[in-house]
Amino acid sequence: MEVDIAQALARLAPTLGGTGVEAVQRLSGGASMETWAFTLTGDVGPREMILRRRPGPFDEETSRSTSLATEAALIQAAAKVGAPVAPLIRLCEPEDGIGEAHITARIGGEALGRKIVTDPRFEKVRPGLARQCGQILAQIHSASPKGIPLKRSDAAEELDRYEQVYRQSGAQRPILELAFQHLKKHTPTPVADVLLHGDFRNGNLMISPDTGVAAVLDWELSHLGDPAEDLGWLCVNSWRFGRSDKPVGGFGDYADLLAGYAQAGGVPVDLSRVRYWQALGSLKWGVMCLMMYSSYAAGAESSVERPMIGRRVSETEIDLANLLEAGL
């Protein structure tokens, strides 16, 4: 669906409480989603906003991602329990002429993971981020999923899904083979499902240099499952941006993460369970990296981003080797 976004937002401005828009700018865009920043102008003064839009068709039934309507409902559910989010301003309607989309407030800060772990501007807040992330995850996991159409998954299902993709690829990677075998033999005892963010990691957090986590972004992979899945995903080596000595997002330690989680009312989680899901997260990301390289090698994708991400499978293998040697 081709849309002149600036014109569409200008028409929508009165509905948003303004008289016009300016500084309309596309920030990023993957294969399936666009993100636009713009300023709403009017009597109440300029207001910074973000439009998140899916330009193509989408079937929520068959996709692992949520629709933007579901994402909007998740943002509202998380806000109700106090988790920091970019407040939802509008879930777009067909008559808005923008397609599947929602509009939120724009939250200031930095979302680039490497800057968060290295930039001197974040030295003041960096020591407290792991505990803060634990607290926020406890809030998210306490949110009610009632009425929100979410899928569920557990460790065994994730392993089956990714092993099938791996086998179909024809790849032969000894560390990945060993990881599949080990993780299948040691699947954790099931616990009660909670609402998971599904992609809670350094890179999807807006960080303020003054207050720490200002907003949790990108809810499209939310689902129901084991709370340790979110805790472990945050610790995957690929999201530490070169700071492997800090297992939580490249900025903190396990103890602070788990203490923050329990302090905010989360059911205490053993470190071994977090590390299991960390290993499963590294394995999943390793398979995804292989697929990205394969799509480029087969000619299905021409962007050099694909092979660049594909070579990062070695990062996941290092993380898996370290975890397996340590007995998880």
Protein backbone atom coordinates (compact mmCIF):
# COMPACT_ATOMS: atom_id res chain seq x y z
CA MET A 1 0.00 0.00 0.00
CA GLU A 2 1.73 3.17 -1.26
CA VAL A 3 0.92 6.15 0.98
CA ASP A 4 2.23 9.72 1.10
CA ILE A 5 2.86 9.64 4.84
CA ALA A 6 3.34 13.39 5.25
CA GLN A 7 0.04 14.16 3.57
CA ALA A 8 -1.80 11.43 5.46
CA LEU A 9 -0.47 12.68 8.81
CA ALA A 10 -1.39 16.27 7.90
CA ARG A 11 -4.98 15.14 7.28
CA LEU A 12 -4.96 13.26 10.58
CA ALA A 13 -3.53 16.18 12.61
CA PRO A 14 -6.92 17.54 13.87
CA THR A 15 -7.84 14.04 15.12
CA LEU A 16 -4.56 13.99 17.07
CA GLY A 17 -5.32 17.38 18.64
CA GLY A 18 -3.19 19.59 16.42
CA THR A 19 -3.45 21.68 13.30
CA GLY A 20 -0.58 20.29 11.23
CA VAL A 21 2.59 18.23 11.16
CA GLU A 22 6.21 18.98 10.40
CA ALA A 23 9.60 17.26 10.36
CA VAL A 24 8.14 14.01 9.01
CA GLN A 25 11.05 11.61 8.75
CA ARG A 26 11.40 7.87 8.25
CA LEU A 27 13.70 6.52 10.94
CA SER A 28 14.14 2.91 9.95
CA GLY A 29 12.39 0.18 8.13
CA GLY A 30 12.74 -3.54 7.89
CA ALA A 31 11.11 -5.83 5.41
CA SER A 32 7.77 -5.68 7.16
CA MET A 33 7.59 -2.49 9.27
CA GLU A 34 8.18 1.27 8.92
CA THR A 35 8.89 3.77 11.69
CA TRP A 36 8.30 7.49 11.13
CA ALA A 37 9.00 10.42 13.45
CA PHE A 38 6.99 13.63 13.16
CA THR A 39 6.02 16.71 15.13
CA LEU A 40 2.38 17.59 15.69
CA THR A 41 1.89 21.36 15.70
CA GLY A 42 -0.97 23.43 17.06
CA ASP A 43 -2.21 25.54 19.94
CA VAL A 44 -0.97 23.08 22.62
CA GLY A 45 2.56 23.41 21.28
CA PRO A 46 4.73 20.96 19.35
CA ARG A 47 4.40 17.29 20.33
CA GLU A 48 6.91 14.65 19.19
CA MET A 49 5.27 11.46 17.95
CA ILE A 50 6.13 8.13 16.30
CA LEU A 51 4.12 6.38 13.60
CA ARG A 52 4.68 2.65 13.36
CA ARG A 53 3.25 1.18 10.18
CA ARG A 54 3.11 -2.10 8.27
CA PRO A 55 3.12 -1.35 4.52
CA GLY A 56 2.24 -4.85 3.33
CA PRO A 57 -0.35 -7.55 4.00
CA PHE A 58 -0.20 -9.50 7.24
CA ASP A 59 -1.87 -12.61 8.63
CA GLU A 60 -1.69 -12.72 12.43
CA GLU A 61 -2.93 -16.31 12.48
CA THR A 62 0.09 -17.70 10.65
CA SER A 63 2.75 -15.19 11.77
CA ARG A 64 4.94 -15.28 14.88
CA SER A 65 4.58 -11.50 15.07
CA THR A 66 1.57 -9.69 16.44
CA SER A 67 -0.59 -7.24 14.56
CA LEU A 68 -0.18 -3.56 15.37
CA ALA A 69 -3.61 -3.63 17.00
CA THR A 70 -2.35 -6.35 19.34
CA GLU A 71 0.86 -4.40 19.90
CA ALA A 72 -1.24 -1.36 20.87
CA ALA A 73 -3.19 -3.48 23.36
CA LEU A 74 0.10 -4.78 24.82
CA ILE A 75 1.44 -1.25 25.28
CA GLN A 76 -1.72 -0.30 27.16
CA ALA A 77 -1.60 -3.46 29.31
CA ALA A 78 2.04 -2.80 30.21
CA ALA A 79 1.31 0.84 31.04
CA LYS A 80 -1.44 -0.24 33.45
CA VAL A 81 1.08 -2.15 35.58
CA GLY A 82 3.59 0.69 35.55
CA ALA A 83 6.07 -0.53 32.94
CA PRO A 84 7.71 2.33 31.02
CA VAL A 85 6.28 2.51 27.50
CA ALA A 86 5.75 5.09 24.80
CA PRO A 87 2.11 6.05 25.48
CA LEU A 88 -0.33 5.02 22.78
CA ILE A 89 -1.97 8.02 21.11
CA ARG A 90 -3.97 6.39 18.33
CA LEU A 91 -4.58 2.99 16.81
CA CYS A 92 -5.17 4.00 13.21
CA GLU A 93 -8.49 3.25 11.54
CA PRO A 94 -9.03 2.41 7.85
CA GLU A 95 -10.46 5.89 7.24
CA ASP A 96 -7.15 7.42 8.36
CA GLY A 97 -5.69 6.27 5.03
CA ILE A 98 -2.40 5.08 6.51
CA GLY A 99 -2.95 1.34 6.60
CA GLU A 100 -2.17 -0.89 9.58
CA ALA A 101 -0.49 1.51 12.00
CA HIS A 102 -0.43 3.07 15.43
CA ILE A 103 0.89 6.35 16.81
CA THR A 104 2.69 6.78 20.13
CA ALA A 105 4.46 9.59 21.91
CA ARG A 106 8.15 9.88 21.06
CA ILE A 107 10.34 9.16 24.09
CA GLY A 108 13.74 10.82 24.29
CA GLY A 109 16.91 8.86 24.89
CA GLU A 110 19.18 6.37 23.16
CA ALA A 111 18.28 2.91 21.82
CA LEU A 112 21.55 1.95 20.11
CA GLY A 113 23.01 -0.84 22.22
CA ARG A 114 26.67 -0.11 21.56
CA LYS A 115 26.27 3.51 22.66
CA ILE A 116 24.46 2.46 25.81
CA VAL A 117 27.34 0.20 26.89
CA THR A 118 30.20 2.52 25.85
CA ASP A 119 29.10 6.17 25.69
CA PRO A 120 30.27 8.21 28.73
CA ARG A 121 26.84 9.90 28.83
CA PHE A 122 25.40 6.70 30.33
CA GLU A 123 28.04 6.12 33.02
CA LYS A 124 25.73 7.44 35.72
CA VAL A 125 22.80 5.12 34.98
CA ARG A 126 24.64 2.06 33.62
CA PRO A 127 25.30 0.41 37.04
CA GLY A 128 21.56 0.41 37.81
CA LEU A 129 20.22 -0.81 34.48
CA ALA A 130 20.29 -4.55 35.22
CA ARG A 131 18.25 -4.14 38.41
CA GLN A 132 15.91 -1.75 36.63
CA CYS A 133 15.40 -4.27 33.81
CA GLY A 134 14.54 -6.95 36.38
CA GLN A 135 11.96 -4.68 37.95
CA ILE A 136 10.40 -3.81 34.60
CA LEU A 137 10.21 -7.44 33.54
CA ALA A 138 8.42 -8.29 36.79
CA GLN A 139 5.89 -5.56 35.95
CA ILE A 140 5.39 -6.81 32.39
CA HIS A 141 4.99 -10.40 33.59
CA SER A 142 2.29 -9.27 36.02
CA ALA A 143 0.22 -7.69 33.23
CA SER A 144 -3.06 -9.33 32.33
CA PRO A 145 -3.20 -10.79 28.81
CA LYS A 146 -6.98 -11.08 28.99
CA GLY A 147 -8.54 -10.22 25.65
CA ILE A 148 -5.19 -9.95 23.84
CA PRO A 149 -4.75 -12.58 21.10
CA LEU A 150 -1.34 -14.03 21.95
CA LYS A 151 0.27 -17.33 21.04
CA ARG A 152 2.17 -19.37 23.64
CA SER A 153 5.37 -21.33 23.50
CA ASP A 154 7.70 -23.29 25.78
CA ALA A 155 11.27 -24.51 25.58
CA ALA A 156 10.45 -27.82 23.89
CA GLU A 157 8.34 -26.14 21.24
CA GLU A 158 11.03 -23.52 20.55
CA LEU A 159 13.67 -26.23 20.18
CA ASP A 160 11.50 -28.23 17.79
CA ARG A 161 10.71 -25.18 15.69
CA TYR A 162 14.31 -24.02 15.34
CA GLU A 163 15.77 -27.49 14.88
CA GLN A 164 13.40 -28.04 11.97
CA VAL A 165 14.61 -24.80 10.36
CA TYR A 166 18.23 -25.75 11.06
CA ARG A 167 17.89 -29.25 9.55
CA GLN A 168 16.18 -27.89 6.45
CA SER A 169 19.07 -25.48 5.93
CA GLY A 170 21.55 -28.32 5.51
CA ALA A 171 24.05 -26.54 7.79
CA GLN A 172 26.45 -28.61 9.89
CA ARG A 173 27.71 -26.65 12.90
CA PRO A 174 29.09 -28.85 15.71
CA ILE A 175 28.37 -26.36 18.52
CA LEU A 176 24.78 -25.89 17.38
CA GLU A 177 24.35 -29.67 17.11
CA LEU A 178 25.65 -30.11 20.65
CA ALA A 179 23.43 -27.33 21.94
CA PHE A 180 20.29 -28.89 20.44
CA GLN A 181 21.13 -32.23 22.06
CA HIS A 182 21.94 -30.77 25.46
CA LEU A 183 18.98 -28.41 25.68
CA LYS A 184 16.50 -31.11 24.60
CA LYS A 185 17.78 -33.38 27.40
CA HIS A 186 17.48 -30.64 30.03
CA THR A 187 14.23 -28.81 29.27
CA PRO A 188 13.10 -27.03 32.44
CA THR A 189 10.07 -28.03 34.46
CA PRO A 190 7.03 -26.10 33.14
CA VAL A 191 5.81 -23.11 35.14
CA ALA A 192 2.69 -20.95 34.85
CA ASP A 193 2.63 -18.87 31.68
CA VAL A 194 2.99 -15.09 31.91
CA LEU A 195 2.80 -12.31 29.37
CA LEU A 196 6.27 -12.02 27.80
CA HIS A 197 7.68 -9.09 25.87
CA GLY A 198 9.44 -11.61 23.65
CA ASP A 199 12.33 -9.36 22.50
CA PHE A 200 13.40 -7.60 25.71
CA ARG A 201 17.06 -6.77 25.06
CA ASN A 202 19.58 -3.99 24.79
CA GLY A 203 18.56 -2.39 21.50
CA ASN A 204 14.84 -2.45 22.24
CA LEU A 205 15.12 -0.23 25.31
CA MET A 206 15.09 3.57 25.19
CA ILE A 207 17.67 4.68 27.74
CA SER A 208 17.81 8.13 29.31
CA PRO A 209 21.26 9.28 30.50
CA ASP A 210 19.53 10.70 33.60
CA THR A 211 16.95 8.08 34.63
CA GLY A 212 17.83 4.82 32.88
CA VAL A 213 15.12 2.85 31.08
CA ALA A 214 12.63 5.37 29.71
CA ALA A 215 10.58 3.03 27.51
CA VAL A 216 10.38 -0.58 26.37
CA LEU A 217 10.04 -0.70 22.57
CA ASP A 218 9.00 -3.17 19.87
CA TRP A 219 6.31 -5.48 21.26
CA GLU A 220 5.63 -7.44 18.08
CA LEU A 221 7.10 -10.74 19.38
CA SER A 222 5.09 -10.81 22.61
CA HIS A 223 3.59 -14.14 23.59
CA LEU A 224 2.77 -16.25 26.62
CA GLY A 225 5.42 -18.43 28.22
CA ASP A 226 8.12 -19.02 30.83
CA PRO A 227 9.19 -15.78 32.60
CA ALA A 228 12.83 -16.92 32.42
CA GLU A 229 12.64 -16.62 28.63
CA ASP A 230 12.62 -12.80 28.82
CA LEU A 231 15.31 -12.77 31.53
CA GLY A 232 17.57 -15.11 29.53
CA TRP A 233 17.10 -13.30 26.20
CA LEU A 234 18.41 -10.08 27.75
CA CYS A 235 21.62 -11.97 28.63
CA VAL A 236 22.38 -13.41 25.17
CA ASN A 237 25.94 -12.51 24.21
CA SER A 238 24.91 -10.86 20.94
CA TRP A 239 23.06 -8.12 22.86
CA ARG A 240 26.10 -7.13 24.96
CA PHE A 241 27.76 -5.21 22.12
CA GLY A 242 31.30 -6.19 22.96
CA ARG A 243 30.93 -6.14 26.75
CA SER A 244 30.89 -9.90 27.30
CA ASP A 245 32.05 -9.37 30.88
CA LYS A 246 28.62 -7.90 31.67
CA PRO A 247 26.15 -10.72 31.01
CA VAL A 248 23.02 -8.60 31.35
CA GLY A 249 22.79 -6.51 28.20
CA GLY A 250 26.48 -5.58 28.33
CA PHE A 251 25.79 -3.31 31.30
CA GLY A 252 25.09 -5.47 34.36
CA ASP A 253 25.28 -8.73 36.26
CA TYR A 254 22.89 -11.61 36.85
CA ALA A 255 22.55 -10.93 40.59
CA ASP A 256 21.24 -7.40 40.04
CA LEU A 257 18.80 -8.56 37.36
CA LEU A 258 17.33 -11.30 39.57
CA ALA A 259 17.26 -9.08 42.66
CA GLY A 260 15.36 -6.41 40.78
CA TYR A 261 12.92 -9.01 39.47
CA ALA A 262 12.18 -10.39 42.95
CA GLN A 263 12.08 -6.90 44.51
CA ALA A 264 9.32 -5.87 42.09
CA GLY A 265 7.19 -8.90 42.94
CA GLY A 266 8.34 -11.41 40.33
CA VAL A 267 8.36 -15.05 41.38
CA PRO A 268 12.06 -15.76 42.12
CA VAL A 269 13.83 -17.45 39.21
CA ASP A 270 16.94 -19.63 39.57
CA LEU A 271 20.03 -18.46 37.73
CA SER A 272 20.34 -21.90 36.13
CA ARG A 273 16.93 -21.44 34.52
CA VAL A 274 17.93 -18.01 33.18
CA ARG A 275 21.13 -19.45 31.74
CA TYR A 276 19.18 -22.29 30.10
CA TRP A 277 17.01 -19.74 28.30
CA GLN A 278 20.09 -17.65 27.54
CA ALA A 279 21.59 -20.69 25.80
CA LEU A 280 18.34 -21.37 23.96
CA GLY A 281 18.26 -17.70 22.94
CA SER A 282 21.80 -17.90 21.57
CA LEU A 283 20.89 -21.07 19.69
CA LYS A 284 17.78 -19.47 18.18
CA TRP A 285 19.69 -16.35 17.16
CA GLY A 286 22.44 -18.52 15.69
CA VAL A 287 19.90 -20.32 13.49
CA MET A 288 18.38 -16.98 12.48
CA CYS A 289 21.84 -15.69 11.51
CA LEU A 290 22.37 -18.77 9.35
CA MET A 291 19.05 -18.15 7.62
CA MET A 292 19.93 -14.54 6.90
CA TYR A 293 23.18 -15.56 5.25
CA SER A 294 21.39 -18.30 3.29
CA SER A 295 18.81 -15.87 1.93
CA TYR A 296 21.63 -13.70 0.56
CA ALA A 297 23.65 -16.64 -0.79
CA ALA A 298 20.57 -18.00 -2.58
CA GLY A 299 19.85 -14.62 -4.18
CA ALA A 300 16.56 -14.11 -2.37
CA GLU A 301 17.93 -10.96 -0.67
CA SER A 302 20.43 -8.46 -2.09
CA SER A 303 21.07 -6.32 1.00
CA VAL A 304 24.60 -6.71 2.41
CA GLU A 305 22.99 -6.48 5.84
CA ARG A 306 21.98 -10.13 5.52
CA PRO A 307 25.48 -11.65 5.21
CA MET A 308 26.79 -9.15 7.77
CA ILE A 309 24.30 -10.46 10.31
CA GLY A 310 24.87 -14.00 9.10
CA ARG A 311 28.52 -13.98 10.12
CA ARG A 312 27.43 -13.28 13.69
CA VAL A 313 26.54 -16.93 14.11
CA SER A 314 30.09 -17.29 15.48
CA GLU A 315 29.15 -15.03 18.41
CA THR A 316 26.35 -17.37 19.36
CA GLU A 317 28.66 -20.37 19.13
CA ILE A 318 31.13 -18.73 21.53
CA ASP A 319 28.31 -18.02 23.98
CA LEU A 320 27.02 -21.59 23.68
CA ALA A 321 30.49 -23.09 24.13
CA ASN A 322 31.06 -21.03 27.27
CA LEU A 323 27.65 -21.93 28.72
CA LEU A 324 28.00 -25.65 27.92
CA GLU A 325 31.52 -25.81 29.37
CA ALA A 326 30.18 -24.19 32.54
CA GLY A 327 27.33 -26.73 32.68
CA LEU A 328 24.82 -23.90 32.08
